[in-house]
Amino acid sequence: MSAANSSGERLTPPRSWYEKFRDAFRGVRSGMRGQSSFRVHIFVALAVLAGAVLLRCNLCQWCILSLCIGGVLTAEMFNSAMEHLAKAVDKDHNPHLGDALDTGSAAVLFASLAAAVVGTIVLLSRVITLLKG
């Protein structure tokens, strides 16, 4: 984001698309670093994608599964961002930051549970359809 002075003139040049994507991928690395739960989510996502291939899911089912996976990984990234920010704000125990971090973890939990329910419905429906022939 470029800063502006009081008359609205830009003080810094706008970032290029390359810089924006570079920073975003740096954020992915930062969000994944040291997060064992993120690795678990990636493993489960790959297993779901493999199941969708094996069960020959249709386009709508692929979209639903992709949105669920994206939602969980996005929630995990937001939670990681909150953890990084909390460490930068206060190195000591802070009950308010603890509550915020617990709430972020709860968001990941809700997203994961909802995705698990939806994924089970989609993949189980494919299994039933294939078994019926």
N, C-alpha and C. Protein backbone atom coordinates (compact mmCIF):
# COMPACT_ATOMS: atom_id res chain seq x y z
N MET A 1 0.85 -1.16 0.00
CA MET A 1 0.00 0.00 0.00
C MET A 1 0.90 1.23 0.00
N SER A 2 0.65 2.15 -0.90
CA SER A 2 1.52 3.32 -0.98
C SER A 2 0.96 4.44 -0.09
N ALA A 3 1.88 5.14 0.55
CA ALA A 3 1.50 6.23 1.45
C ALA A 3 1.32 7.51 0.66
N ALA A 4 0.53 8.43 1.22
CA ALA A 4 0.32 9.72 0.58
C ALA A 4 0.51 10.82 1.62
N ASN A 5 0.95 11.99 1.16
CA ASN A 5 1.10 13.11 2.09
C ASN A 5 -0.24 13.82 2.22
N SER A 6 -0.28 14.93 2.96
CA SER A 6 -1.54 15.61 3.25
C SER A 6 -2.22 16.16 1.99
N SER A 7 -1.47 16.41 0.93
CA SER A 7 -2.09 16.92 -0.30
C SER A 7 -2.48 15.79 -1.25
N GLY A 8 -2.30 14.53 -0.82
CA GLY A 8 -2.72 13.40 -1.62
C GLY A 8 -1.68 12.89 -2.59
N GLU A 9 -0.48 13.48 -2.59
CA GLU A 9 0.58 13.01 -3.49
C GLU A 9 1.17 11.72 -2.95
N ARG A 10 1.49 10.83 -3.86
CA ARG A 10 2.10 9.56 -3.46
C ARG A 10 3.53 9.78 -3.00
N LEU A 11 3.86 9.15 -1.85
CA LEU A 11 5.22 9.22 -1.34
C LEU A 11 6.05 8.02 -1.81
N THR A 12 5.39 6.90 -2.02
CA THR A 12 6.08 5.71 -2.51
C THR A 12 5.38 5.23 -3.77
N PRO A 13 6.14 4.67 -4.69
CA PRO A 13 5.50 4.19 -5.92
C PRO A 13 4.64 2.96 -5.63
N PRO A 14 3.60 2.75 -6.44
CA PRO A 14 2.78 1.55 -6.22
C PRO A 14 3.59 0.29 -6.50
N ARG A 15 3.26 -0.77 -5.78
CA ARG A 15 3.98 -2.03 -5.97
C ARG A 15 3.53 -2.70 -7.26
N SER A 16 4.46 -3.40 -7.88
CA SER A 16 4.13 -4.13 -9.11
C SER A 16 3.39 -5.42 -8.75
N TRP A 17 2.77 -6.04 -9.75
CA TRP A 17 2.10 -7.31 -9.52
C TRP A 17 3.10 -8.36 -9.06
N TYR A 18 4.29 -8.32 -9.63
CA TYR A 18 5.33 -9.27 -9.22
C TYR A 18 5.60 -9.13 -7.72
N GLU A 19 5.74 -7.89 -7.24
CA GLU A 19 6.02 -7.66 -5.82
C GLU A 19 4.86 -8.13 -4.94
N LYS A 20 3.64 -7.89 -5.41
CA LYS A 20 2.47 -8.31 -4.64
C LYS A 20 2.41 -9.83 -4.51
N PHE A 21 2.63 -10.53 -5.63
CA PHE A 21 2.61 -11.99 -5.58
C PHE A 21 3.80 -12.54 -4.79
N ARG A 22 4.97 -11.92 -4.94
CA ARG A 22 6.15 -12.35 -4.18
C ARG A 22 5.86 -12.26 -2.68
N ASP A 23 5.28 -11.14 -2.27
CA ASP A 23 4.96 -10.96 -0.85
C ASP A 23 3.89 -11.95 -0.39
N ALA A 24 2.92 -12.23 -1.25
CA ALA A 24 1.87 -13.18 -0.88
C ALA A 24 2.46 -14.58 -0.69
N PHE A 25 3.36 -15.00 -1.59
CA PHE A 25 3.96 -16.32 -1.43
C PHE A 25 4.91 -16.37 -0.23
N ARG A 26 5.54 -15.25 0.08
CA ARG A 26 6.35 -15.17 1.30
C ARG A 26 5.44 -15.35 2.52
N GLY A 27 4.24 -14.79 2.44
CA GLY A 27 3.26 -14.96 3.51
C GLY A 27 2.81 -16.40 3.66
N VAL A 28 2.68 -17.11 2.53
CA VAL A 28 2.33 -18.53 2.60
C VAL A 28 3.41 -19.29 3.34
N ARG A 29 4.67 -19.04 2.96
CA ARG A 29 5.79 -19.71 3.65
C ARG A 29 5.80 -19.37 5.13
N SER A 30 5.60 -18.10 5.44
CA SER A 30 5.60 -17.66 6.84
C SER A 30 4.44 -18.28 7.61
N GLY A 31 3.28 -18.38 6.97
CA GLY A 31 2.10 -18.95 7.62
C GLY A 31 2.23 -20.44 7.87
N MET A 32 2.98 -21.13 6.99
CA MET A 32 3.14 -22.57 7.12
C MET A 32 4.27 -22.95 8.07
N ARG A 33 5.26 -22.07 8.22
CA ARG A 33 6.45 -22.38 9.00
C ARG A 33 6.09 -22.67 10.46
N GLY A 34 6.45 -23.85 10.90
CA GLY A 34 6.24 -24.21 12.30
C GLY A 34 4.81 -24.54 12.66
N GLN A 35 3.94 -24.69 11.68
CA GLN A 35 2.53 -24.95 11.95
C GLN A 35 2.21 -26.40 11.60
N SER A 36 2.25 -27.27 12.59
CA SER A 36 1.99 -28.69 12.32
C SER A 36 0.55 -28.90 11.87
N SER A 37 -0.38 -28.09 12.37
CA SER A 37 -1.78 -28.25 11.96
C SER A 37 -1.96 -27.90 10.49
N PHE A 38 -1.17 -26.96 9.98
CA PHE A 38 -1.26 -26.62 8.55
C PHE A 38 -0.84 -27.82 7.71
N ARG A 39 0.21 -28.50 8.14
CA ARG A 39 0.66 -29.69 7.40
C ARG A 39 -0.41 -30.78 7.43
N VAL A 40 -1.10 -30.92 8.54
CA VAL A 40 -2.19 -31.89 8.63
C VAL A 40 -3.30 -31.52 7.65
N HIS A 41 -3.64 -30.23 7.61
CA HIS A 41 -4.69 -29.77 6.68
C HIS A 41 -4.28 -30.01 5.23
N ILE A 42 -3.02 -29.78 4.90
CA ILE A 42 -2.54 -30.03 3.54
C ILE A 42 -2.64 -31.52 3.22
N PHE A 43 -2.24 -32.38 4.15
CA PHE A 43 -2.32 -33.83 3.94
C PHE A 43 -3.76 -34.25 3.70
N VAL A 44 -4.69 -33.78 4.53
CA VAL A 44 -6.11 -34.13 4.39
C VAL A 44 -6.64 -33.59 3.06
N ALA A 45 -6.25 -32.38 2.69
CA ALA A 45 -6.70 -31.81 1.41
C ALA A 45 -6.23 -32.66 0.25
N LEU A 46 -4.99 -33.12 0.28
CA LEU A 46 -4.48 -33.97 -0.79
C LEU A 46 -5.22 -35.30 -0.83
N ALA A 47 -5.55 -35.86 0.34
CA ALA A 47 -6.31 -37.10 0.41
C ALA A 47 -7.71 -36.92 -0.18
N VAL A 48 -8.34 -35.79 0.13
CA VAL A 48 -9.67 -35.50 -0.41
C VAL A 48 -9.60 -35.35 -1.93
N LEU A 49 -8.58 -34.64 -2.41
CA LEU A 49 -8.43 -34.47 -3.86
C LEU A 49 -8.19 -35.81 -4.55
N ALA A 50 -7.39 -36.66 -3.94
CA ALA A 50 -7.16 -38.00 -4.50
C ALA A 50 -8.46 -38.80 -4.52
N GLY A 51 -9.23 -38.71 -3.45
CA GLY A 51 -10.53 -39.39 -3.39
C GLY A 51 -11.47 -38.88 -4.46
N ALA A 52 -11.46 -37.58 -4.69
CA ALA A 52 -12.33 -36.99 -5.72
C ALA A 52 -11.95 -37.50 -7.11
N VAL A 53 -10.65 -37.67 -7.34
CA VAL A 53 -10.19 -38.21 -8.63
C VAL A 53 -10.64 -39.67 -8.76
N LEU A 54 -10.38 -40.47 -7.74
CA LEU A 54 -10.73 -41.89 -7.79
C LEU A 54 -12.23 -42.12 -7.92
N LEU A 55 -13.01 -41.26 -7.27
CA LEU A 55 -14.47 -41.41 -7.29
C LEU A 55 -15.12 -40.67 -8.46
N ARG A 56 -14.30 -40.05 -9.30
CA ARG A 56 -14.77 -39.34 -10.50
C ARG A 56 -15.86 -38.32 -10.16
N CYS A 57 -15.54 -37.41 -9.26
CA CYS A 57 -16.48 -36.36 -8.88
C CYS A 57 -16.79 -35.48 -10.09
N ASN A 58 -18.00 -34.93 -10.11
CA ASN A 58 -18.36 -34.02 -11.20
C ASN A 58 -17.91 -32.60 -10.90
N LEU A 59 -18.12 -31.72 -11.84
CA LEU A 59 -17.63 -30.34 -11.72
C LEU A 59 -18.16 -29.64 -10.47
N CYS A 60 -19.44 -29.78 -10.20
CA CYS A 60 -20.03 -29.13 -9.02
C CYS A 60 -19.40 -29.66 -7.73
N GLN A 61 -19.20 -30.97 -7.67
CA GLN A 61 -18.58 -31.56 -6.49
C GLN A 61 -17.15 -31.09 -6.32
N TRP A 62 -16.41 -30.97 -7.43
CA TRP A 62 -15.05 -30.43 -7.37
C TRP A 62 -15.05 -29.01 -6.83
N CYS A 63 -16.00 -28.22 -7.28
CA CYS A 63 -16.08 -26.83 -6.80
C CYS A 63 -16.37 -26.78 -5.31
N ILE A 64 -17.30 -27.61 -4.85
CA ILE A 64 -17.65 -27.64 -3.43
C ILE A 64 -16.44 -28.07 -2.59
N LEU A 65 -15.77 -29.14 -3.01
CA LEU A 65 -14.60 -29.62 -2.27
C LEU A 65 -13.49 -28.57 -2.27
N SER A 66 -13.28 -27.92 -3.41
CA SER A 66 -12.23 -26.89 -3.50
C SER A 66 -12.53 -25.71 -2.59
N LEU A 67 -13.79 -25.30 -2.54
CA LEU A 67 -14.17 -24.19 -1.65
C LEU A 67 -13.95 -24.58 -0.18
N CYS A 68 -14.28 -25.81 0.17
CA CYS A 68 -14.06 -26.26 1.55
C CYS A 68 -12.57 -26.27 1.90
N ILE A 69 -11.76 -26.81 1.00
CA ILE A 69 -10.32 -26.84 1.23
C ILE A 69 -9.77 -25.42 1.34
N GLY A 70 -10.18 -24.56 0.42
CA GLY A 70 -9.73 -23.16 0.45
C GLY A 70 -10.15 -22.45 1.72
N GLY A 71 -11.36 -22.73 2.20
CA GLY A 71 -11.84 -22.10 3.43
C GLY A 71 -11.02 -22.50 4.64
N VAL A 72 -10.70 -23.78 4.73
CA VAL A 72 -9.91 -24.26 5.87
C VAL A 72 -8.50 -23.68 5.82
N LEU A 73 -7.87 -23.72 4.65
CA LEU A 73 -6.50 -23.19 4.54
C LEU A 73 -6.47 -21.68 4.77
N THR A 74 -7.51 -20.98 4.33
CA THR A 74 -7.59 -19.54 4.58
C THR A 74 -7.75 -19.25 6.07
N ALA A 75 -8.61 -20.00 6.73
CA ALA A 75 -8.77 -19.82 8.18
C ALA A 75 -7.45 -20.09 8.90
N GLU A 76 -6.74 -21.12 8.45
CA GLU A 76 -5.45 -21.45 9.06
C GLU A 76 -4.44 -20.31 8.86
N MET A 77 -4.44 -19.71 7.67
CA MET A 77 -3.53 -18.58 7.40
C MET A 77 -3.87 -17.37 8.27
N PHE A 78 -5.16 -17.06 8.40
CA PHE A 78 -5.55 -15.95 9.28
C PHE A 78 -5.13 -16.23 10.72
N ASN A 79 -5.30 -17.47 11.16
CA ASN A 79 -4.89 -17.83 12.52
C ASN A 79 -3.38 -17.67 12.69
N SER A 80 -2.61 -18.10 11.69
CA SER A 80 -1.16 -17.94 11.76
C SER A 80 -0.78 -16.46 11.79
N ALA A 81 -1.47 -15.65 10.99
CA ALA A 81 -1.20 -14.21 10.99
C ALA A 81 -1.46 -13.61 12.37
N MET A 82 -2.55 -14.04 13.00
CA MET A 82 -2.85 -13.54 14.35
C MET A 82 -1.78 -13.96 15.34
N GLU A 83 -1.26 -15.18 15.20
CA GLU A 83 -0.21 -15.64 16.10
C GLU A 83 1.06 -14.82 15.92
N HIS A 84 1.44 -14.53 14.66
CA HIS A 84 2.62 -13.71 14.41
C HIS A 84 2.43 -12.30 14.99
N LEU A 85 1.26 -11.75 14.79
CA LEU A 85 0.97 -10.41 15.29
C LEU A 85 0.99 -10.38 16.82
N ALA A 86 0.43 -11.40 17.44
CA ALA A 86 0.42 -11.45 18.91
C ALA A 86 1.83 -11.51 19.47
N LYS A 87 2.71 -12.27 18.81
CA LYS A 87 4.11 -12.35 19.26
C LYS A 87 4.81 -11.01 19.10
N ALA A 88 4.45 -10.26 18.07
CA ALA A 88 5.08 -8.96 17.84
C ALA A 88 4.58 -7.91 18.84
N VAL A 89 3.33 -8.03 19.26
CA VAL A 89 2.72 -7.04 20.14
C VAL A 89 3.16 -7.22 21.58
N ASP A 90 3.20 -8.47 22.05
CA ASP A 90 3.49 -8.70 23.46
C ASP A 90 4.14 -10.06 23.62
N LYS A 91 5.37 -10.08 24.10
CA LYS A 91 6.10 -11.34 24.29
C LYS A 91 5.67 -12.06 25.57
N ASP A 92 5.10 -11.31 26.52
CA ASP A 92 4.64 -11.90 27.77
C ASP A 92 3.22 -12.42 27.61
N HIS A 93 2.79 -13.19 28.62
CA HIS A 93 1.41 -13.70 28.60
C HIS A 93 0.45 -12.52 28.71
N ASN A 94 -0.47 -12.46 27.78
CA ASN A 94 -1.49 -11.41 27.79
C ASN A 94 -2.83 -12.12 27.61
N PRO A 95 -3.71 -12.07 28.62
CA PRO A 95 -4.97 -12.80 28.53
C PRO A 95 -5.85 -12.36 27.36
N HIS A 96 -5.78 -11.07 27.00
CA HIS A 96 -6.59 -10.59 25.87
C HIS A 96 -6.08 -11.18 24.55
N LEU A 97 -4.76 -11.22 24.39
CA LEU A 97 -4.20 -11.85 23.20
C LEU A 97 -4.49 -13.34 23.20
N GLY A 98 -4.43 -13.96 24.37
CA GLY A 98 -4.75 -15.38 24.48
C GLY A 98 -6.18 -15.67 24.03
N ASP A 99 -7.11 -14.81 24.45
CA ASP A 99 -8.51 -14.97 24.03
C ASP A 99 -8.64 -14.81 22.52
N ALA A 100 -7.94 -13.83 21.96
CA ALA A 100 -7.99 -13.61 20.51
C ALA A 100 -7.43 -14.82 19.76
N LEU A 101 -6.32 -15.36 20.25
CA LEU A 101 -5.71 -16.52 19.60
C LEU A 101 -6.61 -17.75 19.73
N ASP A 102 -7.24 -17.92 20.88
CA ASP A 102 -8.17 -19.04 21.05
C ASP A 102 -9.37 -18.90 20.11
N THR A 103 -9.84 -17.69 19.91
CA THR A 103 -10.95 -17.45 18.99
C THR A 103 -10.53 -17.77 17.55
N GLY A 104 -9.31 -17.39 17.20
CA GLY A 104 -8.79 -17.74 15.87
C GLY A 104 -8.69 -19.24 15.68
N SER A 105 -8.25 -19.94 16.71
CA SER A 105 -8.19 -21.40 16.65
C SER A 105 -9.59 -22.00 16.52
N ALA A 106 -10.55 -21.41 17.19
CA ALA A 106 -11.94 -21.88 17.09
C ALA A 106 -12.47 -21.70 15.66
N ALA A 107 -12.07 -20.62 15.01
CA ALA A 107 -12.48 -20.40 13.62
C ALA A 107 -11.94 -21.51 12.72
N VAL A 108 -10.70 -21.89 12.94
CA VAL A 108 -10.11 -22.99 12.16
C VAL A 108 -10.86 -24.29 12.46
N LEU A 109 -11.18 -24.52 13.72
CA LEU A 109 -11.92 -25.71 14.11
C LEU A 109 -13.28 -25.76 13.40
N PHE A 110 -14.03 -24.66 13.44
CA PHE A 110 -15.34 -24.63 12.78
C PHE A 110 -15.23 -24.85 11.28
N ALA A 111 -14.25 -24.19 10.65
CA ALA A 111 -14.06 -24.37 9.21
C ALA A 111 -13.71 -25.81 8.89
N SER A 112 -12.86 -26.42 9.72
CA SER A 112 -12.45 -27.81 9.50
C SER A 112 -13.61 -28.77 9.67
N LEU A 113 -14.40 -28.58 10.72
CA LEU A 113 -15.55 -29.46 10.96
C LEU A 113 -16.58 -29.33 9.84
N ALA A 114 -16.87 -28.11 9.43
CA ALA A 114 -17.83 -27.91 8.34
C ALA A 114 -17.31 -28.55 7.05
N ALA A 115 -16.02 -28.37 6.76
CA ALA A 115 -15.44 -28.97 5.56
C ALA A 115 -15.47 -30.48 5.64
N ALA A 116 -15.24 -31.04 6.81
CA ALA A 116 -15.28 -32.50 6.97
C ALA A 116 -16.69 -33.04 6.72
N VAL A 117 -17.70 -32.34 7.21
CA VAL A 117 -19.08 -32.76 6.99
C VAL A 117 -19.42 -32.69 5.50
N VAL A 118 -19.11 -31.56 4.88
CA VAL A 118 -19.40 -31.40 3.45
C VAL A 118 -18.62 -32.41 2.62
N GLY A 119 -17.34 -32.58 2.91
CA GLY A 119 -16.52 -33.54 2.18
C GLY A 119 -17.05 -34.96 2.31
N THR A 120 -17.47 -35.32 3.51
CA THR A 120 -18.04 -36.65 3.73
C THR A 120 -19.31 -36.84 2.92
N ILE A 121 -20.17 -35.84 2.91
CA ILE A 121 -21.41 -35.93 2.14
C ILE A 121 -21.10 -36.10 0.65
N VAL A 122 -20.22 -35.26 0.12
CA VAL A 122 -19.89 -35.32 -1.31
C VAL A 122 -19.26 -36.66 -1.67
N LEU A 123 -18.23 -37.06 -0.93
CA LEU A 123 -17.51 -38.28 -1.30
C LEU A 123 -18.35 -39.54 -1.02
N LEU A 124 -19.10 -39.54 0.07
CA LEU A 124 -19.95 -40.70 0.36
C LEU A 124 -21.06 -40.84 -0.68
N SER A 125 -21.59 -39.71 -1.14
CA SER A 125 -22.62 -39.79 -2.19
C SER A 125 -22.04 -40.39 -3.47
N ARG A 126 -20.77 -40.09 -3.75
CA ARG A 126 -20.14 -40.69 -4.94
C ARG A 126 -19.93 -42.18 -4.75
N VAL A 127 -19.53 -42.59 -3.56
CA VAL A 127 -19.35 -44.02 -3.28
C VAL A 127 -20.67 -44.75 -3.47
N ILE A 128 -21.75 -44.21 -2.92
CA ILE A 128 -23.07 -44.83 -3.03
C ILE A 128 -23.49 -44.91 -4.50
N THR A 129 -23.31 -43.82 -5.23
CA THR A 129 -23.66 -43.82 -6.65
C THR A 129 -22.88 -44.86 -7.43
N LEU A 130 -21.58 -44.97 -7.17
CA LEU A 130 -20.77 -45.95 -7.88
C LEU A 130 -21.13 -47.38 -7.49
N LEU A 131 -21.48 -47.61 -6.23
CA LEU A 131 -21.87 -48.96 -5.79
C LEU A 131 -23.20 -49.40 -6.40
N LYS A 132 -24.09 -48.45 -6.60
CA LYS A 132 -25.40 -48.76 -7.21
C LYS A 132 -25.24 -49.10 -8.68
N GLY A 133 -24.13 -48.63 -9.27
CA GLY A 133 -23.78 -48.96 -10.65
C GLY A 133 -24.49 -48.12 -11.60
